[in-house]
């Protein structure tokens, strides 16, 4: 295995761990939706996609978020795995192919994927009213993630190994 693959694999493991910790460490319970909570972990979901690309980034985001859900006993951790993988992949493609305001669109499209995924889940499990009630909280989380990602990505770009990963 060459050193760039090792760097990517180690970075993916680190991003999964950061996603897990950022998700589980400060969950803010969402009122009226039984098992939903707001957290800063989606920042690392989007950063995983941007830094690592669709495969490694999607896996890091999904696995890190899934382990956080297991930690807080969220019963639908498998949905989180899928939703967060999709968010990271969408974030990657938005960042890679939308030239103007790409960071904003990466966060926005990733956030829309998360909001839509959880809206579908909550509507199915608890009824459309609970899905609608939960959506604004997912939007708040997306806005929070856009702000945090905008602050963290310039710092990550200063790390030579990360800068090299982002260029690919």
C-alpha atoms as a PDB file:
ATOM      1  CA  UNK A   1       0.000   0.000   0.000  1.00  0.00           C
ATOM      2  CA  UNK A   2       1.492   3.333  -0.997  1.00  0.00           C
ATOM      3  CA  UNK A   3       1.793   6.277   1.376  1.00  0.00           C
ATOM      4  CA  UNK A   4      -1.050   8.300  -0.210  1.00  0.00           C
ATOM      5  CA  UNK A   5      -3.499   5.435   0.379  1.00  0.00           C
ATOM      6  CA  UNK A   6      -2.296   5.086   3.952  1.00  0.00           C
ATOM      7  CA  UNK A   7      -2.718   8.846   4.470  1.00  0.00           C
ATOM      8  CA  UNK A   8      -6.248   8.670   3.043  1.00  0.00           C
ATOM      9  CA  UNK A   9      -7.164   5.660   5.185  1.00  0.00           C
ATOM     10  CA  UNK A  10      -5.790   7.224   8.374  1.00  0.00           C
ATOM     11  CA  UNK A  11      -7.535  10.524   7.574  1.00  0.00           C
ATOM     12  CA  UNK A  12     -10.803   8.635   6.985  1.00  0.00           C
ATOM     13  CA  UNK A  13     -10.483   6.936  10.372  1.00  0.00           C
ATOM     14  CA  UNK A  14      -9.742  10.288  12.016  1.00  0.00           C
ATOM     15  CA  UNK A  15     -12.730  11.940  10.296  1.00  0.00           C
ATOM     16  CA  UNK A  16     -15.003   9.059  11.368  1.00  0.00           C
ATOM     17  CA  UNK A  17     -13.803   9.477  14.956  1.00  0.00           C
ATOM     18  CA  UNK A  18     -14.263  13.267  14.858  1.00  0.00           C
ATOM     19  CA  UNK A  19     -17.734  12.842  13.371  1.00  0.00           C
ATOM     20  CA  UNK A  20     -18.656  10.379  16.111  1.00  0.00           C
ATOM     21  CA  UNK A  21     -17.360  12.542  18.947  1.00  0.00           C
ATOM     22  CA  UNK A  22     -18.825  15.788  17.569  1.00  0.00           C
ATOM     23  CA  UNK A  23     -22.182  14.088  17.148  1.00  0.00           C
ATOM     24  CA  UNK A  24     -22.353  12.310  20.500  1.00  0.00           C
ATOM     25  CA  UNK A  25     -20.596  14.747  22.834  1.00  0.00           C
ATOM     26  CA  UNK A  26     -23.104  17.624  22.824  1.00  0.00           C
ATOM     27  CA  UNK A  27     -26.458  16.399  21.575  1.00  0.00           C
ATOM     28  CA  UNK A  28     -29.286  18.898  22.018  1.00  0.00           C
ATOM     29  CA  UNK A  29     -32.632  17.092  22.214  1.00  0.00           C
ATOM     30  CA  UNK A  30     -35.213  18.149  19.614  1.00  0.00           C
ATOM     31  CA  UNK A  31     -38.605  18.799  21.206  1.00  0.00           C
ATOM     32  CA  UNK A  32     -41.628  16.831  19.922  1.00  0.00           C
ATOM     33  CA  UNK A  33     -39.518  14.321  17.974  1.00  0.00           C
ATOM     34  CA  UNK A  34     -38.745  11.276  20.124  1.00  0.00           C
ATOM     35  CA  UNK A  35     -35.219  10.342  19.082  1.00  0.00           C
ATOM     36  CA  UNK A  36     -33.875  13.391  17.226  1.00  0.00           C
ATOM     37  CA  UNK A  37     -31.125  15.716  18.388  1.00  0.00           C
ATOM     38  CA  UNK A  38     -29.024  18.604  17.059  1.00  0.00           C
ATOM     39  CA  UNK A  39     -25.232  18.329  17.085  1.00  0.00           C
ATOM     40  CA  UNK A  40     -22.096  19.734  15.395  1.00  0.00           C
ATOM     41  CA  UNK A  41     -21.245  16.365  13.800  1.00  0.00           C
ATOM     42  CA  UNK A  42     -22.629  17.261  10.368  1.00  0.00           C
ATOM     43  CA  UNK A  43     -19.732  19.670  10.000  1.00  0.00           C
ATOM     44  CA  UNK A  44     -17.414  16.670   9.895  1.00  0.00           C
ATOM     45  CA  UNK A  45     -19.811  14.804   7.618  1.00  0.00           C
ATOM     46  CA  UNK A  46     -19.444  17.526   4.984  1.00  0.00           C
ATOM     47  CA  UNK A  47     -15.706  17.938   5.632  1.00  0.00           C
ATOM     48  CA  UNK A  48     -15.267  14.185   5.170  1.00  0.00           C
ATOM     49  CA  UNK A  49     -16.786  14.408   1.708  1.00  0.00           C
ATOM     50  CA  UNK A  50     -14.768  17.477   0.733  1.00  0.00           C
ATOM     51  CA  UNK A  51     -11.430  16.197   2.043  1.00  0.00           C
ATOM     52  CA  UNK A  52     -11.677  12.499   1.230  1.00  0.00           C
ATOM     53  CA  UNK A  53     -13.977  12.298  -1.772  1.00  0.00           C
ATOM     54  CA  UNK A  54     -17.117  10.241  -2.253  1.00  0.00           C
ATOM     55  CA  UNK A  55     -15.930   6.752  -1.239  1.00  0.00           C
ATOM     56  CA  UNK A  56     -13.664   7.339   1.768  1.00  0.00           C
ATOM     57  CA  UNK A  57     -15.548  10.484   2.778  1.00  0.00           C
ATOM     58  CA  UNK A  58     -18.944   8.830   2.536  1.00  0.00           C
ATOM     59  CA  UNK A  59     -17.773   5.849   4.564  1.00  0.00           C
ATOM     60  CA  UNK A  60     -16.071   8.031   7.204  1.00  0.00           C
ATOM     61  CA  UNK A  61     -19.174  10.216   7.570  1.00  0.00           C
ATOM     62  CA  UNK A  62     -21.599   7.311   7.656  1.00  0.00           C
ATOM     63  CA  UNK A  63     -19.602   5.109  10.004  1.00  0.00           C
ATOM     64  CA  UNK A  64     -18.731   7.954  12.384  1.00  0.00           C
ATOM     65  CA  UNK A  65     -22.369   9.075  12.557  1.00  0.00           C
ATOM     66  CA  UNK A  66     -23.605   5.517  12.947  1.00  0.00           C
ATOM     67  CA  UNK A  67     -21.288   4.880  15.908  1.00  0.00           C
ATOM     68  CA  UNK A  68     -22.493   8.110  17.533  1.00  0.00           C
ATOM     69  CA  UNK A  69     -26.073   6.920  17.166  1.00  0.00           C
ATOM     70  CA  UNK A  70     -25.153   3.575  18.693  1.00  0.00           C
ATOM     71  CA  UNK A  71     -23.510   5.440  21.582  1.00  0.00           C
ATOM     72  CA  UNK A  72     -26.646   7.509  22.293  1.00  0.00           C
ATOM     73  CA  UNK A  73     -28.904   4.464  21.693  1.00  0.00           C
ATOM     74  CA  UNK A  74     -30.633   5.840  18.589  1.00  0.00           C
ATOM     75  CA  UNK A  75     -32.468   2.811  17.212  1.00  0.00           C
ATOM     76  CA  UNK A  76     -32.280   3.786  13.536  1.00  0.00           C
ATOM     77  CA  UNK A  77     -28.483   3.970  13.289  1.00  0.00           C
ATOM     78  CA  UNK A  78     -28.604   2.153   9.954  1.00  0.00           C
ATOM     79  CA  UNK A  79     -30.646   5.022   8.470  1.00  0.00           C
ATOM     80  CA  UNK A  80     -28.042   7.456   9.758  1.00  0.00           C
ATOM     81  CA  UNK A  81     -25.317   5.418   8.050  1.00  0.00           C
ATOM     82  CA  UNK A  82     -27.085   5.806   4.706  1.00  0.00           C
ATOM     83  CA  UNK A  83     -28.198   9.440   5.122  1.00  0.00           C
ATOM     84  CA  UNK A  84     -24.769  10.683   6.230  1.00  0.00           C
ATOM     85  CA  UNK A  85     -22.963   8.745   3.480  1.00  0.00           C
ATOM     86  CA  UNK A  86     -25.258  10.385   0.928  1.00  0.00           C
ATOM     87  CA  UNK A  87     -24.687  13.818   2.527  1.00  0.00           C
ATOM     88  CA  UNK A  88     -20.900  13.441   2.308  1.00  0.00           C
ATOM     89  CA  UNK A  89     -21.078  12.250  -1.304  1.00  0.00           C
ATOM     90  CA  UNK A  90     -23.394  15.100  -2.297  1.00  0.00           C
ATOM     91  CA  UNK A  91     -21.109  17.539  -0.463  1.00  0.00           C
ATOM     92  CA  UNK A  92     -18.113  16.213  -2.356  1.00  0.00           C
ATOM     93  CA  UNK A  93     -19.719  16.599  -5.779  1.00  0.00           C
ATOM     94  CA  UNK A  94     -21.054  20.056  -4.960  1.00  0.00           C
ATOM     95  CA  UNK A  95     -17.601  21.137  -3.797  1.00  0.00           C
ATOM     96  CA  UNK A  96     -15.824  19.578  -6.752  1.00  0.00           C
ATOM     97  CA  UNK A  97     -18.079  20.662  -9.602  1.00  0.00           C
ATOM     98  CA  UNK A  98     -19.779  23.907  -8.611  1.00  0.00           C
ATOM     99  CA  UNK A  99     -17.024  26.449  -9.120  1.00  0.00           C
ATOM    100  CA  UNK A 100     -18.540  29.557  -7.507  1.00  0.00           C
ATOM    101  CA  UNK A 101     -19.443  29.399  -3.839  1.00  0.00           C
ATOM    102  CA  UNK A 102     -18.597  25.696  -3.837  1.00  0.00           C
ATOM    103  CA  UNK A 103     -18.135  25.395  -0.060  1.00  0.00           C
ATOM    104  CA  UNK A 104     -21.522  26.946   0.570  1.00  0.00           C
ATOM    105  CA  UNK A 105     -23.223  24.633  -1.934  1.00  0.00           C
ATOM    106  CA  UNK A 106     -21.408  21.580  -0.590  1.00  0.00           C
ATOM    107  CA  UNK A 107     -22.763  22.340   2.870  1.00  0.00           C
ATOM    108  CA  UNK A 108     -26.188  23.294   1.570  1.00  0.00           C
ATOM    109  CA  UNK A 109     -26.671  20.216  -0.610  1.00  0.00           C
ATOM    110  CA  UNK A 110     -25.287  17.921   2.081  1.00  0.00           C
ATOM    111  CA  UNK A 111     -27.652  19.534   4.593  1.00  0.00           C
ATOM    112  CA  UNK A 112     -30.608  19.133   2.238  1.00  0.00           C
ATOM    113  CA  UNK A 113     -29.748  15.427   1.880  1.00  0.00           C
ATOM    114  CA  UNK A 114     -29.730  15.033   5.681  1.00  0.00           C
ATOM    115  CA  UNK A 115     -32.951  17.032   6.139  1.00  0.00           C
ATOM    116  CA  UNK A 116     -34.747  15.084   3.419  1.00  0.00           C
ATOM    117  CA  UNK A 117     -33.495  11.722   4.679  1.00  0.00           C
ATOM    118  CA  UNK A 118     -34.630  12.347   8.234  1.00  0.00           C
ATOM    119  CA  UNK A 119     -37.894  13.929   7.086  1.00  0.00           C
ATOM    120  CA  UNK A 120     -38.711  10.708   5.224  1.00  0.00           C
ATOM    121  CA  UNK A 121     -37.732   8.559   8.223  1.00  0.00           C
ATOM    122  CA  UNK A 122     -39.607  10.639  10.809  1.00  0.00           C
ATOM    123  CA  UNK A 123     -42.689  10.897   8.589  1.00  0.00           C
ATOM    124  CA  UNK A 124     -42.720   7.146   8.104  1.00  0.00           C
ATOM    125  CA  UNK A 125     -42.151   6.304  11.755  1.00  0.00           C
ATOM    126  CA  UNK A 126     -44.085   9.021  13.574  1.00  0.00           C
ATOM    127  CA  UNK A 127     -46.364  10.572  10.951  1.00  0.00           C
ATOM    128  CA  UNK A 128     -46.039  13.488   8.572  1.00  0.00           C
ATOM    129  CA  UNK A 129     -46.655  16.059  11.328  1.00  0.00           C
ATOM    130  CA  UNK A 130     -43.587  14.897  13.281  1.00  0.00           C
ATOM    131  CA  UNK A 131     -41.549  14.904  10.069  1.00  0.00           C
ATOM    132  CA  UNK A 132     -42.559  18.502   9.445  1.00  0.00           C
ATOM    133  CA  UNK A 133     -41.801  19.459  13.067  1.00  0.00           C
ATOM    134  CA  UNK A 134     -38.316  17.891  12.841  1.00  0.00           C
ATOM    135  CA  UNK A 135     -37.369  19.523   9.519  1.00  0.00           C
ATOM    136  CA  UNK A 136     -36.687  23.039  10.907  1.00  0.00           C
ATOM    137  CA  UNK A 137     -34.281  21.572  13.445  1.00  0.00           C
ATOM    138  CA  UNK A 138     -32.390  19.813  10.658  1.00  0.00           C
ATOM    139  CA  UNK A 139     -32.274  23.145   8.808  1.00  0.00           C
ATOM    140  CA  UNK A 140     -30.854  24.832  11.924  1.00  0.00           C
ATOM    141  CA  UNK A 141     -28.240  22.092  12.106  1.00  0.00           C
ATOM    142  CA  UNK A 142     -27.385  22.670   8.426  1.00  0.00           C
ATOM    143  CA  UNK A 143     -26.900  26.403   9.011  1.00  0.00           C
ATOM    144  CA  UNK A 144     -24.715  25.643  12.028  1.00  0.00           C
ATOM    145  CA  UNK A 145     -22.711  23.158   9.907  1.00  0.00           C
ATOM    146  CA  UNK A 146     -22.207  25.715   7.126  1.00  0.00           C
ATOM    147  CA  UNK A 147     -20.764  28.183   9.638  1.00  0.00           C
ATOM    148  CA  UNK A 148     -18.476  25.624  11.310  1.00  0.00           C
ATOM    149  CA  UNK A 149     -17.312  24.134   8.006  1.00  0.00           C
ATOM    150  CA  UNK A 150     -16.518  27.625   6.720  1.00  0.00           C
ATOM    151  CA  UNK A 151     -14.329  28.152   9.780  1.00  0.00           C
ATOM    152  CA  UNK A 152     -12.617  24.742   9.808  1.00  0.00           C
ATOM    153  CA  UNK A 153     -11.887  24.123   6.123  1.00  0.00           C
ATOM    154  CA  UNK A 154      -9.402  27.012   5.784  1.00  0.00           C
ATOM    155  CA  UNK A 155      -7.542  25.632   8.805  1.00  0.00           C
ATOM    156  CA  UNK A 156      -7.509  22.120   7.345  1.00  0.00           C
ATOM    157  CA  UNK A 157      -6.167  23.459   4.044  1.00  0.00           C
ATOM    158  CA  UNK A 158      -3.042  24.588   5.917  1.00  0.00           C
ATOM    159  CA  UNK A 159      -2.153  20.957   6.684  1.00  0.00           C
ATOM    160  CA  UNK A 160      -0.061  19.774   3.697  1.00  0.00           C
ATOM    161  CA  UNK A 161      -1.442  16.226   3.684  1.00  0.00           C
ATOM    162  CA  UNK A 162      -5.041  17.469   3.792  1.00  0.00           C
ATOM    163  CA  UNK A 163      -4.368  20.078   1.111  1.00  0.00           C
ATOM    164  CA  UNK A 164      -3.026  17.294  -1.112  1.00  0.00           C
ATOM    165  CA  UNK A 165      -6.124  15.141  -0.495  1.00  0.00           C
ATOM    166  CA  UNK A 166      -8.460  18.023  -1.352  1.00  0.00           C
ATOM    167  CA  UNK A 167      -6.688  18.647  -4.689  1.00  0.00           C
ATOM    168  CA  UNK A 168      -7.398  15.134  -5.940  1.00  0.00           C
END
